[in-house]
Amino acid sequence: MDALTYLRGYVPLFAGVNEENLAALAGSSELLSFNAGQTILFKGATVDGLHVVVSGRADVYVKASTKALVRVAELGPGEVFGEMSVVEMGTAGATIKASEQGAVVLMIPQESFRRVLQQDEGFAVRVNMLIVSRRTSPVSVPA
């Protein structure tokens, strides 16, 4: 399955985005594969773009008061991470690792992602709602 088909049919965040913008996002994206346990994104690192889980799972870890990494969430196919860091031009707020099954992730470069945010008000609203929901959930999933 190609990136355009996946974004169009399997990623709820992109519902309603017009075909031209979806094609631009898909065309600029890069498919990345990770082995089980491999770090996809380190806390504090610059985030290159929006990450979309295509297959497998991605576990979200934050440091607990004991300074140990604690898994706070699991992301599956169709779920995204990195949006907060891209929108706010910050660094990753959590460490993301491929789970036991490994993970395949579609990485959409931040320039392409930001361009569609500027062009599509409905998409921008959905992304901002996602950011707010992650901030206000009992277990925040920063990225």
C-alpha atoms as a PDB file:
ATOM      1  CA  MET A   1       0.000   0.000   0.000  1.00  0.00           C
ATOM      2  CA  ASP A   2       1.363   3.426  -0.864  1.00  0.00           C
ATOM      3  CA  ALA A   3       1.632   6.385   1.540  1.00  0.00           C
ATOM      4  CA  LEU A   4      -1.264   8.310  -0.032  1.00  0.00           C
ATOM      5  CA  THR A   5      -3.653   5.369   0.282  1.00  0.00           C
ATOM      6  CA  TYR A   6      -2.583   4.799   3.882  1.00  0.00           C
ATOM      7  CA  LEU A   7      -3.001   8.438   4.940  1.00  0.00           C
ATOM      8  CA  ARG A   8      -6.353   8.678   3.163  1.00  0.00           C
ATOM      9  CA  GLY A   9      -7.863   5.481   4.511  1.00  0.00           C
ATOM     10  CA  TYR A  10      -6.208   4.567   7.794  1.00  0.00           C
ATOM     11  CA  VAL A  11      -5.195   7.732   9.671  1.00  0.00           C
ATOM     12  CA  PRO A  12      -8.173   9.477  11.300  1.00  0.00           C
ATOM     13  CA  LEU A  13      -6.195  12.711  11.762  1.00  0.00           C
ATOM     14  CA  PHE A  14      -6.148  13.175   7.970  1.00  0.00           C
ATOM     15  CA  ALA A  15      -9.895  12.675   7.442  1.00  0.00           C
ATOM     16  CA  GLY A  16     -11.200  15.549   5.339  1.00  0.00           C
ATOM     17  CA  VAL A  17      -7.814  16.750   4.094  1.00  0.00           C
ATOM     18  CA  ASN A  18      -8.110  17.414   0.358  1.00  0.00           C
ATOM     19  CA  GLU A  19      -6.440  15.127  -2.162  1.00  0.00           C
ATOM     20  CA  GLU A  20      -3.862  17.709  -3.260  1.00  0.00           C
ATOM     21  CA  ASN A  21      -2.609  18.249   0.312  1.00  0.00           C
ATOM     22  CA  LEU A  22      -2.657  14.524   1.068  1.00  0.00           C
ATOM     23  CA  ALA A  23      -0.637  13.841  -2.077  1.00  0.00           C
ATOM     24  CA  ALA A  24       1.916  16.482  -1.055  1.00  0.00           C
ATOM     25  CA  LEU A  25       2.246  14.944   2.408  1.00  0.00           C
ATOM     26  CA  ALA A  26       2.545  11.424   1.032  1.00  0.00           C
ATOM     27  CA  GLY A  27       5.019  12.481  -1.647  1.00  0.00           C
ATOM     28  CA  SER A  28       7.367  14.085   0.861  1.00  0.00           C
ATOM     29  CA  SER A  29       7.121  11.292   3.435  1.00  0.00           C
ATOM     30  CA  GLU A  30       9.700   8.656   4.243  1.00  0.00           C
ATOM     31  CA  LEU A  31       8.972   5.093   5.388  1.00  0.00           C
ATOM     32  CA  LEU A  32      11.171   4.015   8.307  1.00  0.00           C
ATOM     33  CA  SER A  33      11.473   0.554   9.881  1.00  0.00           C
ATOM     34  CA  PHE A  34      12.520  -0.100  13.467  1.00  0.00           C
ATOM     35  CA  ASN A  35      13.479  -3.302  15.260  1.00  0.00           C
ATOM     36  CA  ALA A  36      11.862  -4.269  18.547  1.00  0.00           C
ATOM     37  CA  GLY A  37      13.227  -2.075  21.326  1.00  0.00           C
ATOM     38  CA  GLN A  38      14.887   0.379  18.955  1.00  0.00           C
ATOM     39  CA  THR A  39      14.429   4.054  19.820  1.00  0.00           C
ATOM     40  CA  ILE A  40      12.467   5.991  17.228  1.00  0.00           C
ATOM     41  CA  LEU A  41      12.689   9.348  18.982  1.00  0.00           C
ATOM     42  CA  PHE A  42      14.720  10.430  22.013  1.00  0.00           C
ATOM     43  CA  LYS A  43      13.282  12.828  24.609  1.00  0.00           C
ATOM     44  CA  GLY A  44      14.841  16.234  24.080  1.00  0.00           C
ATOM     45  CA  ALA A  45      15.742  15.574  20.447  1.00  0.00           C
ATOM     46  CA  THR A  46      14.695  17.804  17.586  1.00  0.00           C
ATOM     47  CA  VAL A  47      11.645  16.328  15.874  1.00  0.00           C
ATOM     48  CA  ASP A  48      12.039  16.171  12.093  1.00  0.00           C
ATOM     49  CA  GLY A  49       8.356  15.748  11.349  1.00  0.00           C
ATOM     50  CA  LEU A  50       5.051  14.104  12.104  1.00  0.00           C
ATOM     51  CA  HIS A  51       5.376  10.352  12.647  1.00  0.00           C
ATOM     52  CA  VAL A  52       2.528   8.033  11.647  1.00  0.00           C
ATOM     53  CA  VAL A  53       2.566   4.422  12.864  1.00  0.00           C
ATOM     54  CA  VAL A  54       1.924   2.181   9.842  1.00  0.00           C
ATOM     55  CA  SER A  55       2.441  -1.240  11.436  1.00  0.00           C
ATOM     56  CA  GLY A  56       3.607  -2.683  14.716  1.00  0.00           C
ATOM     57  CA  ARG A  57       3.527  -0.600  17.852  1.00  0.00           C
ATOM     58  CA  ALA A  58       5.385   2.365  19.306  1.00  0.00           C
ATOM     59  CA  ASP A  59       5.701   2.693  23.078  1.00  0.00           C
ATOM     60  CA  VAL A  60       5.870   6.106  24.734  1.00  0.00           C
ATOM     61  CA  TYR A  61       8.198   6.467  27.731  1.00  0.00           C
ATOM     62  CA  VAL A  62       8.723   9.289  30.209  1.00  0.00           C
ATOM     63  CA  LYS A  63      11.025   9.499  33.217  1.00  0.00           C
ATOM     64  CA  ALA A  64       9.313   8.811  36.504  1.00  0.00           C
ATOM     65  CA  SER A  65      10.286  10.425  39.783  1.00  0.00           C
ATOM     66  CA  THR A  66      12.583   7.414  40.290  1.00  0.00           C
ATOM     67  CA  LYS A  67      14.434   8.538  37.133  1.00  0.00           C
ATOM     68  CA  ALA A  68      13.546   5.228  35.462  1.00  0.00           C
ATOM     69  CA  LEU A  69      11.766   5.224  32.109  1.00  0.00           C
ATOM     70  CA  VAL A  70       8.119   4.282  32.470  1.00  0.00           C
ATOM     71  CA  ARG A  71       5.869   3.300  29.579  1.00  0.00           C
ATOM     72  CA  VAL A  72       2.852   5.613  29.586  1.00  0.00           C
ATOM     73  CA  ALA A  73       1.216   4.786  26.265  1.00  0.00           C
ATOM     74  CA  GLU A  74       1.231   2.461  23.301  1.00  0.00           C
ATOM     75  CA  LEU A  75       0.541   3.767  19.810  1.00  0.00           C
ATOM     76  CA  GLY A  76      -0.701   1.514  17.034  1.00  0.00           C
ATOM     77  CA  PRO A  77      -1.365   1.738  13.315  1.00  0.00           C
ATOM     78  CA  GLY A  78      -2.967   5.007  12.268  1.00  0.00           C
ATOM     79  CA  GLU A  79      -1.825   6.877  15.372  1.00  0.00           C
ATOM     80  CA  VAL A  80       0.631   9.771  15.259  1.00  0.00           C
ATOM     81  CA  PHE A  81       3.329  11.368  17.369  1.00  0.00           C
ATOM     82  CA  GLY A  82       5.584  14.380  17.088  1.00  0.00           C
ATOM     83  CA  GLU A  83       2.816  16.856  16.256  1.00  0.00           C
ATOM     84  CA  MET A  84       3.246  18.881  19.435  1.00  0.00           C
ATOM     85  CA  SER A  85       6.968  19.400  18.891  1.00  0.00           C
ATOM     86  CA  VAL A  86       6.509  20.350  15.245  1.00  0.00           C
ATOM     87  CA  VAL A  87       3.657  22.790  15.878  1.00  0.00           C
ATOM     88  CA  GLU A  88       5.366  24.411  18.860  1.00  0.00           C
ATOM     89  CA  MET A  89       8.870  24.166  17.380  1.00  0.00           C
ATOM     90  CA  GLY A  90      10.115  22.372  20.471  1.00  0.00           C
ATOM     91  CA  THR A  91      11.902  19.145  21.215  1.00  0.00           C
ATOM     92  CA  ALA A  92      10.486  15.700  21.921  1.00  0.00           C
ATOM     93  CA  GLY A  93       8.868  15.484  25.341  1.00  0.00           C
ATOM     94  CA  ALA A  94       9.062  11.696  25.515  1.00  0.00           C
ATOM     95  CA  THR A  95      11.124   8.783  24.265  1.00  0.00           C
ATOM     96  CA  ILE A  96       9.379   6.628  21.666  1.00  0.00           C
ATOM     97  CA  LYS A  97      10.543   3.036  21.096  1.00  0.00           C
ATOM     98  CA  ALA A  98       9.393   0.273  18.794  1.00  0.00           C
ATOM     99  CA  SER A  99       7.571  -2.419  20.774  1.00  0.00           C
ATOM    100  CA  GLU A 100       8.213  -6.152  20.646  1.00  0.00           C
ATOM    101  CA  GLN A 101       6.732  -6.357  17.169  1.00  0.00           C
ATOM    102  CA  GLY A 102       8.893  -3.545  15.881  1.00  0.00           C
ATOM    103  CA  ALA A 103       7.336  -0.661  14.015  1.00  0.00           C
ATOM    104  CA  VAL A 104       7.082   0.831  10.570  1.00  0.00           C
ATOM    105  CA  VAL A 105       6.600   4.590  10.683  1.00  0.00           C
ATOM    106  CA  LEU A 106       5.792   7.082   7.953  1.00  0.00           C
ATOM    107  CA  MET A 107       7.663  10.312   8.706  1.00  0.00           C
ATOM    108  CA  ILE A 108       6.180  13.457   7.156  1.00  0.00           C
ATOM    109  CA  PRO A 109       8.763  16.278   7.150  1.00  0.00           C
ATOM    110  CA  GLN A 110       7.846  19.238   9.319  1.00  0.00           C
ATOM    111  CA  GLU A 111       7.871  21.683   6.397  1.00  0.00           C
ATOM    112  CA  SER A 112       5.200  19.690   4.546  1.00  0.00           C
ATOM    113  CA  PHE A 113       3.168  19.176   7.716  1.00  0.00           C
ATOM    114  CA  ARG A 114       3.281  22.888   8.614  1.00  0.00           C
ATOM    115  CA  ARG A 115       2.306  23.883   5.054  1.00  0.00           C
ATOM    116  CA  VAL A 116      -0.866  21.780   5.225  1.00  0.00           C
ATOM    117  CA  LEU A 117      -1.629  23.150   8.707  1.00  0.00           C
ATOM    118  CA  GLN A 118      -1.548  26.654   7.218  1.00  0.00           C
ATOM    119  CA  GLN A 119      -3.669  25.732   4.188  1.00  0.00           C
ATOM    120  CA  ASP A 120      -6.332  23.571   5.839  1.00  0.00           C
ATOM    121  CA  GLU A 121      -8.149  25.145   8.780  1.00  0.00           C
ATOM    122  CA  GLY A 122     -10.083  21.973   9.623  1.00  0.00           C
ATOM    123  CA  PHE A 123      -6.872  19.947   9.771  1.00  0.00           C
ATOM    124  CA  ALA A 124      -5.230  22.595  11.972  1.00  0.00           C
ATOM    125  CA  VAL A 125      -8.188  22.427  14.356  1.00  0.00           C
ATOM    126  CA  ARG A 126      -7.928  18.601  14.592  1.00  0.00           C
ATOM    127  CA  VAL A 127      -4.182  18.784  15.255  1.00  0.00           C
ATOM    128  CA  ASN A 128      -4.685  21.429  17.946  1.00  0.00           C
ATOM    129  CA  MET A 129      -7.465  19.341  19.533  1.00  0.00           C
ATOM    130  CA  LEU A 130      -5.084  16.367  19.620  1.00  0.00           C
ATOM    131  CA  ILE A 131      -2.419  18.484  21.330  1.00  0.00           C
ATOM    132  CA  VAL A 132      -4.912  19.776  23.903  1.00  0.00           C
ATOM    133  CA  SER A 133      -6.227  16.269  24.594  1.00  0.00           C
ATOM    134  CA  ARG A 134      -2.705  14.988  25.197  1.00  0.00           C
ATOM    135  CA  ARG A 135      -1.956  17.844  27.562  1.00  0.00           C
ATOM    136  CA  THR A 136      -5.144  17.367  29.568  1.00  0.00           C
ATOM    137  CA  SER A 137      -5.215  13.552  29.702  1.00  0.00           C
ATOM    138  CA  PRO A 138      -4.192  11.951  33.004  1.00  0.00           C
ATOM    139  CA  VAL A 139      -1.189  10.464  31.227  1.00  0.00           C
ATOM    140  CA  SER A 140       0.222  12.985  28.812  1.00  0.00           C
ATOM    141  CA  VAL A 141       1.790  11.671  25.617  1.00  0.00           C
ATOM    142  CA  PRO A 142       4.205  14.444  24.759  1.00  0.00           C
ATOM    143  CA  ALA A 143       6.206  14.311  21.602  1.00  0.00           C
END
